[in-house]
Amino acid sequence: MAIVVSVYLLLNISLIGSVGAPALAASPAPIATAANLVFAHAGPIVAFIGIVAMLSALNAYIIGTSRVMQSLSARFAVPWIGDLGMRGTPVYALIAGCGLSAALLFASNHFDELASMSVITTLIPYIFFCIAAWVTIRDTTVRIVSVAGASSTLAILAIYFIV
């Protein structure tokens, strides 16, 4: 986590220092914009790299979403979606989650709002996971981490809705 935070801080400091905040604030893709201002024709390359990075994050969301969907469906006896494939993969939950995500993307041209909804729907269950860890595990270290995770996530959500 410290490495990721350090990379983001260094990236933001170098972007703002080299290009300036006004140019970045006006851009929907600030890293590509900064790269294009510093190096001619670098914008499309950086945008492509960003798309590949987002696809890897999407892969993690799809896997997590399908497991949660499969577990809830199995618990409440929802046909098909609660079943696992021959190798233990939630095949129907993966198809349902990907299909729903694709339908939302095709039905809306507001990708920024969909991305915000995705982040919010990821953070809210995380708070409950932290609370569950606090309740079920008596180890002091786990409890400290769960309190830190829940409180920092609540702070992020509060800042998002306030700002």
N, C-alpha and C. Protein backbone atom coordinates (compact mmCIF):
# COMPACT_ATOMS: atom_id res chain seq x y z
N MET A 1 0.83 -1.18 0.00
CA MET A 1 0.00 0.00 0.00
C MET A 1 0.88 1.25 0.00
N ALA A 2 1.94 1.21 0.76
CA ALA A 2 2.84 2.35 0.82
C ALA A 2 3.49 2.61 -0.54
N ILE A 3 3.81 1.55 -1.26
CA ILE A 3 4.42 1.70 -2.58
C ILE A 3 3.42 2.35 -3.55
N VAL A 4 2.17 1.89 -3.52
CA VAL A 4 1.15 2.45 -4.41
C VAL A 4 0.91 3.92 -4.09
N VAL A 5 0.79 4.25 -2.81
CA VAL A 5 0.59 5.65 -2.41
C VAL A 5 1.77 6.50 -2.85
N SER A 6 2.99 5.98 -2.67
CA SER A 6 4.19 6.72 -3.09
C SER A 6 4.21 6.97 -4.59
N VAL A 7 3.85 5.96 -5.36
CA VAL A 7 3.83 6.11 -6.82
C VAL A 7 2.81 7.18 -7.22
N TYR A 8 1.61 7.13 -6.62
CA TYR A 8 0.58 8.13 -6.96
C TYR A 8 1.01 9.54 -6.55
N LEU A 9 1.60 9.68 -5.37
CA LEU A 9 2.06 11.00 -4.94
C LEU A 9 3.16 11.53 -5.86
N LEU A 10 4.13 10.70 -6.18
CA LEU A 10 5.21 11.13 -7.07
C LEU A 10 4.67 11.48 -8.46
N LEU A 11 3.74 10.68 -8.94
CA LEU A 11 3.14 10.96 -10.24
C LEU A 11 2.40 12.30 -10.22
N ASN A 12 1.61 12.54 -9.21
CA ASN A 12 0.87 13.80 -9.13
C ASN A 12 1.80 15.00 -8.97
N ILE A 13 2.81 14.86 -8.14
CA ILE A 13 3.76 15.96 -7.94
C ILE A 13 4.49 16.27 -9.25
N SER A 14 4.94 15.22 -9.94
CA SER A 14 5.67 15.46 -11.19
C SER A 14 4.75 16.00 -12.29
N LEU A 15 3.50 15.54 -12.34
CA LEU A 15 2.57 16.06 -13.34
C LEU A 15 2.25 17.53 -13.11
N ILE A 16 1.91 17.85 -11.89
CA ILE A 16 1.56 19.25 -11.58
C ILE A 16 2.78 20.14 -11.73
N GLY A 17 3.95 19.65 -11.34
CA GLY A 17 5.17 20.45 -11.46
C GLY A 17 5.60 20.66 -12.90
N SER A 18 5.39 19.67 -13.75
CA SER A 18 5.88 19.82 -15.12
C SER A 18 4.88 20.47 -16.06
N VAL A 19 3.60 20.23 -15.87
CA VAL A 19 2.60 20.73 -16.81
C VAL A 19 1.75 21.84 -16.20
N GLY A 20 1.48 21.75 -14.93
CA GLY A 20 0.64 22.74 -14.26
C GLY A 20 -0.76 22.23 -14.02
N ALA A 21 -1.35 22.67 -12.95
CA ALA A 21 -2.67 22.22 -12.56
C ALA A 21 -3.78 22.62 -13.53
N PRO A 22 -3.78 23.84 -14.11
CA PRO A 22 -4.89 24.20 -15.01
C PRO A 22 -5.02 23.28 -16.23
N ALA A 23 -3.89 22.93 -16.83
CA ALA A 23 -3.94 22.04 -18.00
C ALA A 23 -4.44 20.65 -17.62
N LEU A 24 -4.02 20.18 -16.46
CA LEU A 24 -4.45 18.85 -16.01
C LEU A 24 -5.91 18.83 -15.59
N ALA A 25 -6.36 19.89 -14.95
CA ALA A 25 -7.75 19.95 -14.48
C ALA A 25 -8.73 20.01 -15.64
N ALA A 26 -8.34 20.58 -16.74
CA ALA A 26 -9.22 20.70 -17.90
C ALA A 26 -9.27 19.43 -18.75
N SER A 27 -8.43 18.45 -18.43
CA SER A 27 -8.32 17.26 -19.27
C SER A 27 -9.06 16.07 -18.67
N PRO A 28 -9.75 15.28 -19.51
CA PRO A 28 -10.35 14.04 -19.02
C PRO A 28 -9.32 12.93 -18.83
N ALA A 29 -8.15 13.06 -19.46
CA ALA A 29 -7.07 12.09 -19.34
C ALA A 29 -5.78 12.86 -19.03
N PRO A 30 -5.58 13.26 -17.76
CA PRO A 30 -4.47 14.16 -17.44
C PRO A 30 -3.08 13.58 -17.70
N ILE A 31 -2.90 12.29 -17.50
CA ILE A 31 -1.56 11.72 -17.73
C ILE A 31 -1.25 11.74 -19.22
N ALA A 32 -2.21 11.39 -20.05
CA ALA A 32 -1.99 11.42 -21.50
C ALA A 32 -1.78 12.86 -21.97
N THR A 33 -2.52 13.80 -21.40
CA THR A 33 -2.35 15.20 -21.76
C THR A 33 -0.96 15.70 -21.39
N ALA A 34 -0.51 15.36 -20.18
CA ALA A 34 0.83 15.78 -19.75
C ALA A 34 1.91 15.16 -20.63
N ALA A 35 1.76 13.89 -20.94
CA ALA A 35 2.75 13.24 -21.79
C ALA A 35 2.78 13.88 -23.18
N ASN A 36 1.61 14.23 -23.69
CA ASN A 36 1.54 14.86 -25.01
C ASN A 36 2.14 16.26 -25.00
N LEU A 37 2.02 16.98 -23.88
CA LEU A 37 2.61 18.32 -23.79
C LEU A 37 4.13 18.25 -23.65
N VAL A 38 4.62 17.22 -22.97
CA VAL A 38 6.06 17.09 -22.75
C VAL A 38 6.74 16.44 -23.95
N PHE A 39 6.16 15.36 -24.45
CA PHE A 39 6.71 14.64 -25.61
C PHE A 39 5.67 14.61 -26.72
N ALA A 40 6.01 15.09 -27.87
CA ALA A 40 5.06 15.11 -28.99
C ALA A 40 4.60 13.70 -29.34
N HIS A 41 3.32 13.53 -29.55
CA HIS A 41 2.70 12.28 -29.98
C HIS A 41 2.77 11.17 -28.93
N ALA A 42 3.01 11.50 -27.67
CA ALA A 42 3.06 10.48 -26.61
C ALA A 42 1.68 10.23 -26.02
N GLY A 43 0.74 11.14 -26.22
CA GLY A 43 -0.59 11.01 -25.64
C GLY A 43 -1.29 9.71 -25.98
N PRO A 44 -1.37 9.33 -27.25
CA PRO A 44 -2.05 8.06 -27.59
C PRO A 44 -1.37 6.83 -26.98
N ILE A 45 -0.05 6.86 -26.88
CA ILE A 45 0.67 5.73 -26.30
C ILE A 45 0.33 5.59 -24.83
N VAL A 46 0.36 6.71 -24.11
CA VAL A 46 0.03 6.70 -22.69
C VAL A 46 -1.44 6.32 -22.48
N ALA A 47 -2.31 6.78 -23.35
CA ALA A 47 -3.73 6.41 -23.25
C ALA A 47 -3.91 4.91 -23.44
N PHE A 48 -3.19 4.32 -24.38
CA PHE A 48 -3.25 2.88 -24.59
C PHE A 48 -2.77 2.13 -23.35
N ILE A 49 -1.67 2.57 -22.77
CA ILE A 49 -1.15 1.93 -21.55
C ILE A 49 -2.17 2.06 -20.42
N GLY A 50 -2.83 3.21 -20.33
CA GLY A 50 -3.88 3.41 -19.32
C GLY A 50 -5.05 2.47 -19.51
N ILE A 51 -5.44 2.25 -20.75
CA ILE A 51 -6.54 1.32 -21.03
C ILE A 51 -6.16 -0.09 -20.62
N VAL A 52 -4.94 -0.51 -20.90
CA VAL A 52 -4.48 -1.84 -20.49
C VAL A 52 -4.48 -1.95 -18.96
N ALA A 53 -4.03 -0.89 -18.28
CA ALA A 53 -4.03 -0.92 -16.82
C ALA A 53 -5.45 -0.98 -16.27
N MET A 54 -6.38 -0.26 -16.88
CA MET A 54 -7.77 -0.30 -16.43
C MET A 54 -8.38 -1.68 -16.67
N LEU A 55 -8.01 -2.32 -17.76
CA LEU A 55 -8.52 -3.67 -18.01
C LEU A 55 -8.05 -4.65 -16.95
N SER A 56 -6.82 -4.50 -16.47
CA SER A 56 -6.35 -5.39 -15.41
C SER A 56 -7.11 -5.15 -14.12
N ALA A 57 -7.44 -3.89 -13.82
CA ALA A 57 -8.26 -3.60 -12.64
C ALA A 57 -9.67 -4.12 -12.84
N LEU A 58 -10.19 -4.00 -14.05
CA LEU A 58 -11.52 -4.52 -14.35
C LEU A 58 -11.56 -6.03 -14.12
N ASN A 59 -10.48 -6.72 -14.48
CA ASN A 59 -10.40 -8.15 -14.26
C ASN A 59 -10.57 -8.48 -12.78
N ALA A 60 -9.93 -7.72 -11.90
CA ALA A 60 -10.06 -7.95 -10.47
C ALA A 60 -11.49 -7.69 -10.00
N TYR A 61 -12.11 -6.63 -10.51
CA TYR A 61 -13.50 -6.34 -10.14
C TYR A 61 -14.44 -7.45 -10.60
N ILE A 62 -14.24 -7.93 -11.80
CA ILE A 62 -15.12 -8.96 -12.35
C ILE A 62 -15.00 -10.24 -11.52
N ILE A 63 -13.79 -10.61 -11.15
CA ILE A 63 -13.60 -11.82 -10.36
C ILE A 63 -14.25 -11.66 -8.99
N GLY A 64 -14.02 -10.53 -8.34
CA GLY A 64 -14.62 -10.30 -7.03
C GLY A 64 -16.14 -10.24 -7.09
N THR A 65 -16.66 -9.56 -8.09
CA THR A 65 -18.11 -9.44 -8.25
C THR A 65 -18.74 -10.79 -8.50
N SER A 66 -18.12 -11.60 -9.34
CA SER A 66 -18.70 -12.91 -9.65
C SER A 66 -18.71 -13.81 -8.42
N ARG A 67 -17.68 -13.75 -7.60
CA ARG A 67 -17.64 -14.58 -6.38
C ARG A 67 -18.71 -14.15 -5.38
N VAL A 68 -18.87 -12.85 -5.22
CA VAL A 68 -19.91 -12.36 -4.31
C VAL A 68 -21.29 -12.73 -4.85
N MET A 69 -21.50 -12.52 -6.16
CA MET A 69 -22.79 -12.85 -6.77
C MET A 69 -23.08 -14.35 -6.65
N GLN A 70 -22.07 -15.18 -6.86
CA GLN A 70 -22.25 -16.62 -6.76
C GLN A 70 -22.56 -17.04 -5.33
N SER A 71 -21.86 -16.48 -4.37
CA SER A 71 -22.09 -16.83 -2.96
C SER A 71 -23.49 -16.43 -2.51
N LEU A 72 -23.91 -15.21 -2.86
CA LEU A 72 -25.26 -14.77 -2.50
C LEU A 72 -26.32 -15.62 -3.20
N SER A 73 -26.08 -15.94 -4.46
CA SER A 73 -27.05 -16.75 -5.20
C SER A 73 -27.15 -18.16 -4.63
N ALA A 74 -26.02 -18.73 -4.25
CA ALA A 74 -26.04 -20.07 -3.64
C ALA A 74 -26.74 -20.02 -2.28
N ARG A 75 -26.52 -18.97 -1.53
CA ARG A 75 -27.14 -18.83 -0.20
C ARG A 75 -28.64 -18.70 -0.30
N PHE A 76 -29.13 -17.96 -1.28
CA PHE A 76 -30.56 -17.72 -1.42
C PHE A 76 -31.19 -18.55 -2.53
N ALA A 77 -30.50 -19.61 -2.96
CA ALA A 77 -31.01 -20.59 -3.93
C ALA A 77 -31.49 -19.96 -5.24
N VAL A 78 -30.72 -19.03 -5.77
CA VAL A 78 -31.02 -18.47 -7.08
C VAL A 78 -30.52 -19.47 -8.12
N PRO A 79 -31.39 -19.92 -9.03
CA PRO A 79 -30.94 -20.93 -9.99
C PRO A 79 -29.85 -20.42 -10.92
N TRP A 80 -28.99 -21.29 -11.36
CA TRP A 80 -27.91 -21.10 -12.32
C TRP A 80 -26.76 -20.25 -11.77
N ILE A 81 -27.04 -19.06 -11.30
CA ILE A 81 -25.96 -18.14 -10.90
C ILE A 81 -25.20 -18.68 -9.69
N GLY A 82 -25.88 -19.42 -8.82
CA GLY A 82 -25.22 -19.98 -7.64
C GLY A 82 -24.38 -21.20 -7.92
N ASP A 83 -24.44 -21.73 -9.14
CA ASP A 83 -23.70 -22.95 -9.48
C ASP A 83 -22.26 -22.63 -9.85
N LEU A 84 -21.39 -23.61 -9.59
CA LEU A 84 -19.99 -23.51 -9.99
C LEU A 84 -19.74 -24.43 -11.18
N GLY A 85 -18.78 -24.07 -12.01
CA GLY A 85 -18.42 -24.90 -13.15
C GLY A 85 -17.62 -26.11 -12.71
N MET A 86 -17.15 -26.91 -13.67
CA MET A 86 -16.41 -28.14 -13.36
C MET A 86 -15.11 -27.86 -12.61
N ARG A 87 -14.52 -26.71 -12.81
CA ARG A 87 -13.25 -26.37 -12.16
C ARG A 87 -13.43 -25.43 -10.97
N GLY A 88 -14.66 -25.28 -10.49
CA GLY A 88 -14.92 -24.44 -9.33
C GLY A 88 -15.05 -22.97 -9.66
N THR A 89 -15.27 -22.65 -10.92
CA THR A 89 -15.40 -21.27 -11.37
C THR A 89 -16.88 -20.88 -11.42
N PRO A 90 -17.22 -19.69 -10.93
CA PRO A 90 -18.62 -19.24 -11.00
C PRO A 90 -18.96 -18.75 -12.41
N VAL A 91 -19.11 -19.69 -13.34
CA VAL A 91 -19.25 -19.38 -14.76
C VAL A 91 -20.46 -18.46 -15.01
N TYR A 92 -21.62 -18.85 -14.51
CA TYR A 92 -22.83 -18.07 -14.78
C TYR A 92 -22.78 -16.71 -14.09
N ALA A 93 -22.17 -16.66 -12.92
CA ALA A 93 -22.03 -15.37 -12.23
C ALA A 93 -21.07 -14.46 -12.99
N LEU A 94 -20.02 -15.02 -13.57
CA LEU A 94 -19.10 -14.24 -14.39
C LEU A 94 -19.82 -13.68 -15.62
N ILE A 95 -20.60 -14.52 -16.28
CA ILE A 95 -21.33 -14.08 -17.46
C ILE A 95 -22.35 -13.00 -17.08
N ALA A 96 -23.07 -13.21 -15.97
CA ALA A 96 -24.07 -12.22 -15.54
C ALA A 96 -23.41 -10.90 -15.16
N GLY A 97 -22.30 -10.95 -14.42
CA GLY A 97 -21.61 -9.72 -14.02
C GLY A 97 -21.04 -8.97 -15.20
N CYS A 98 -20.39 -9.70 -16.13
CA CYS A 98 -19.84 -9.05 -17.33
C CYS A 98 -20.96 -8.50 -18.21
N GLY A 99 -22.04 -9.26 -18.34
CA GLY A 99 -23.16 -8.80 -19.16
C GLY A 99 -23.80 -7.55 -18.60
N LEU A 100 -23.98 -7.52 -17.30
CA LEU A 100 -24.56 -6.34 -16.66
C LEU A 100 -23.64 -5.13 -16.81
N SER A 101 -22.35 -5.34 -16.60
CA SER A 101 -21.39 -4.25 -16.76
C SER A 101 -21.36 -3.73 -18.19
N ALA A 102 -21.35 -4.64 -19.15
CA ALA A 102 -21.34 -4.23 -20.56
C ALA A 102 -22.62 -3.49 -20.92
N ALA A 103 -23.75 -3.97 -20.40
CA ALA A 103 -25.02 -3.30 -20.68
C ALA A 103 -25.02 -1.88 -20.12
N LEU A 104 -24.48 -1.71 -18.91
CA LEU A 104 -24.40 -0.37 -18.34
C LEU A 104 -23.52 0.54 -19.18
N LEU A 105 -22.40 0.01 -19.65
CA LEU A 105 -21.50 0.83 -20.47
C LEU A 105 -22.12 1.19 -21.81
N PHE A 106 -22.83 0.25 -22.42
CA PHE A 106 -23.45 0.53 -23.72
C PHE A 106 -24.67 1.43 -23.58
N ALA A 107 -25.38 1.34 -22.45
CA ALA A 107 -26.59 2.12 -22.26
C ALA A 107 -26.30 3.55 -21.84
N SER A 108 -25.09 3.80 -21.37
CA SER A 108 -24.76 5.13 -20.86
C SER A 108 -23.51 5.65 -21.55
N ASN A 109 -23.48 6.94 -21.80
CA ASN A 109 -22.26 7.52 -22.33
C ASN A 109 -21.55 8.34 -21.26
N HIS A 110 -21.88 8.06 -20.00
CA HIS A 110 -21.27 8.76 -18.87
C HIS A 110 -20.34 7.80 -18.13
N PHE A 111 -19.19 7.54 -18.74
CA PHE A 111 -18.25 6.59 -18.16
C PHE A 111 -17.76 7.05 -16.79
N ASP A 112 -17.59 8.37 -16.61
CA ASP A 112 -17.10 8.87 -15.33
C ASP A 112 -18.08 8.55 -14.19
N GLU A 113 -19.38 8.63 -14.47
CA GLU A 113 -20.37 8.29 -13.44
C GLU A 113 -20.36 6.80 -13.16
N LEU A 114 -20.22 5.99 -14.20
CA LEU A 114 -20.16 4.55 -14.00
C LEU A 114 -18.91 4.16 -13.21
N ALA A 115 -17.79 4.83 -13.48
CA ALA A 115 -16.57 4.55 -12.73
C ALA A 115 -16.74 4.93 -11.26
N SER A 116 -17.40 6.05 -11.00
CA SER A 116 -17.66 6.45 -9.62
C SER A 116 -18.56 5.45 -8.92
N MET A 117 -19.60 4.99 -9.61
CA MET A 117 -20.49 3.98 -9.02
C MET A 117 -19.73 2.70 -8.73
N SER A 118 -18.82 2.34 -9.60
CA SER A 118 -18.03 1.12 -9.41
C SER A 118 -17.16 1.23 -8.17
N VAL A 119 -16.53 2.39 -8.00
CA VAL A 119 -15.68 2.58 -6.82
C VAL A 119 -16.51 2.56 -5.55
N ILE A 120 -17.64 3.23 -5.56
CA ILE A 120 -18.49 3.27 -4.37
C ILE A 120 -18.99 1.88 -4.03
N THR A 121 -19.44 1.12 -5.03
CA THR A 121 -19.95 -0.22 -4.74
C THR A 121 -18.84 -1.20 -4.37
N THR A 122 -17.60 -0.82 -4.57
CA THR A 122 -16.48 -1.63 -4.09
C THR A 122 -16.12 -1.24 -2.66
N LEU A 123 -16.17 0.05 -2.35
CA LEU A 123 -15.77 0.51 -1.02
C LEU A 123 -16.78 0.15 0.07
N ILE A 124 -18.06 0.22 -0.24
CA ILE A 124 -19.06 -0.05 0.79
C ILE A 124 -18.96 -1.49 1.32
N PRO A 125 -18.87 -2.52 0.45
CA PRO A 125 -18.68 -3.87 1.02
C PRO A 125 -17.38 -4.01 1.80
N TYR A 126 -16.35 -3.28 1.40
CA TYR A 126 -15.08 -3.35 2.12
C TYR A 126 -15.25 -2.91 3.57
N ILE A 127 -16.08 -1.91 3.80
CA ILE A 127 -16.34 -1.47 5.17
C ILE A 127 -16.95 -2.62 5.98
N PHE A 128 -17.89 -3.32 5.37
CA PHE A 128 -18.52 -4.44 6.07
C PHE A 128 -17.55 -5.60 6.29
N PHE A 129 -16.62 -5.82 5.36
CA PHE A 129 -15.60 -6.84 5.56
C PHE A 129 -14.72 -6.49 6.76
N CYS A 130 -14.39 -5.22 6.87
CA CYS A 130 -13.58 -4.77 8.00
C CYS A 130 -14.34 -4.94 9.32
N ILE A 131 -15.62 -4.63 9.32
CA ILE A 131 -16.44 -4.81 10.52
C ILE A 131 -16.53 -6.30 10.87
N ALA A 132 -16.70 -7.14 9.85
CA ALA A 132 -16.76 -8.59 10.09
C ALA A 132 -15.44 -9.10 10.67
N ALA A 133 -14.31 -8.58 10.17
CA ALA A 133 -13.01 -8.98 10.71
C ALA A 133 -12.89 -8.56 12.16
N TRP A 134 -13.37 -7.38 12.50
CA TRP A 134 -13.34 -6.89 13.88
C TRP A 134 -14.16 -7.81 14.80
N VAL A 135 -15.33 -8.21 14.33
CA VAL A 135 -16.24 -9.00 15.15
C VAL A 135 -15.76 -10.44 15.29
N THR A 136 -15.26 -11.04 14.23
CA THR A 136 -14.97 -12.47 14.24
C THR A 136 -13.55 -12.84 14.64
N ILE A 137 -12.60 -11.95 14.48
CA ILE A 137 -11.20 -12.28 14.76
C ILE A 137 -10.74 -11.48 15.97
N ARG A 138 -10.20 -12.18 16.93
CA ARG A 138 -9.81 -11.54 18.20
C ARG A 138 -8.35 -11.07 18.22
N ASP A 139 -7.58 -11.34 17.19
CA ASP A 139 -6.18 -10.93 17.15
C ASP A 139 -6.09 -9.40 17.11
N THR A 140 -5.24 -8.83 17.95
CA THR A 140 -5.13 -7.38 18.06
C THR A 140 -4.66 -6.74 16.75
N THR A 141 -3.71 -7.35 16.08
CA THR A 141 -3.21 -6.79 14.83
C THR A 141 -4.31 -6.74 13.77
N VAL A 142 -5.08 -7.80 13.66
CA VAL A 142 -6.18 -7.83 12.69
C VAL A 142 -7.21 -6.77 13.03
N ARG A 143 -7.49 -6.60 14.31
CA ARG A 143 -8.47 -5.60 14.72
C ARG A 143 -7.98 -4.18 14.41
N ILE A 144 -6.70 -3.93 14.60
CA ILE A 144 -6.16 -2.60 14.29
C ILE A 144 -6.26 -2.33 12.79
N VAL A 145 -5.90 -3.32 11.99
CA VAL A 145 -5.98 -3.17 10.54
C VAL A 145 -7.43 -2.99 10.10
N SER A 146 -8.36 -3.73 10.71
CA SER A 146 -9.77 -3.60 10.31
C SER A 146 -10.32 -2.23 10.68
N VAL A 147 -9.94 -1.69 11.82
CA VAL A 147 -10.39 -0.34 12.19
C VAL A 147 -9.78 0.69 11.25
N ALA A 148 -8.49 0.54 10.95
CA ALA A 148 -7.84 1.48 10.03
C ALA A 148 -8.48 1.40 8.64
N GLY A 149 -8.77 0.19 8.17
CA GLY A 149 -9.39 0.04 6.86
C GLY A 149 -10.79 0.63 6.81
N ALA A 150 -11.59 0.34 7.81
CA ALA A 150 -12.97 0.85 7.83
C ALA A 150 -12.99 2.37 7.97
N SER A 151 -12.16 2.90 8.86
CA SER A 151 -12.18 4.36 9.07
C SER A 151 -11.63 5.11 7.86
N SER A 152 -10.56 4.60 7.23
CA SER A 152 -10.03 5.29 6.04
C SER A 152 -11.01 5.19 4.88
N THR A 153 -11.69 4.07 4.74
CA THR A 153 -12.68 3.93 3.67
C THR A 153 -13.87 4.85 3.91
N LEU A 154 -14.33 4.93 5.15
CA LEU A 154 -15.41 5.86 5.48
C LEU A 154 -14.99 7.30 5.19
N ALA A 155 -13.74 7.64 5.50
CA ALA A 155 -13.24 8.99 5.23
C ALA A 155 -13.22 9.27 3.73
N ILE A 156 -12.79 8.30 2.94
CA ILE A 156 -12.77 8.47 1.49
C ILE A 156 -14.18 8.70 0.96
N LEU A 157 -15.12 7.90 1.42
CA LEU A 157 -16.51 8.07 0.97
C LEU A 157 -17.07 9.43 1.40
N ALA A 158 -16.78 9.84 2.64
CA ALA A 158 -17.27 11.13 3.12
C ALA A 158 -16.68 12.26 2.30
N ILE A 159 -15.41 12.23 2.03
CA ILE A 159 -14.77 13.27 1.21
C ILE A 159 -15.36 13.28 -0.19
N TYR A 160 -15.61 12.10 -0.75
CA TYR A 160 -16.19 12.03 -2.09
C TYR A 160 -17.55 12.71 -2.14
N PHE A 161 -18.40 12.45 -1.14
CA PHE A 161 -19.74 13.02 -1.18
C PHE A 161 -19.77 14.48 -0.74
N ILE A 162 -18.80 14.91 0.04
CA ILE A 162 -18.74 16.31 0.47
C ILE A 162 -18.21 17.19 -0.66
N VAL A 163 -17.16 16.71 -1.32
CA VAL A 163 -16.52 17.49 -2.39
C VAL A 163 -17.23 17.21 -3.64
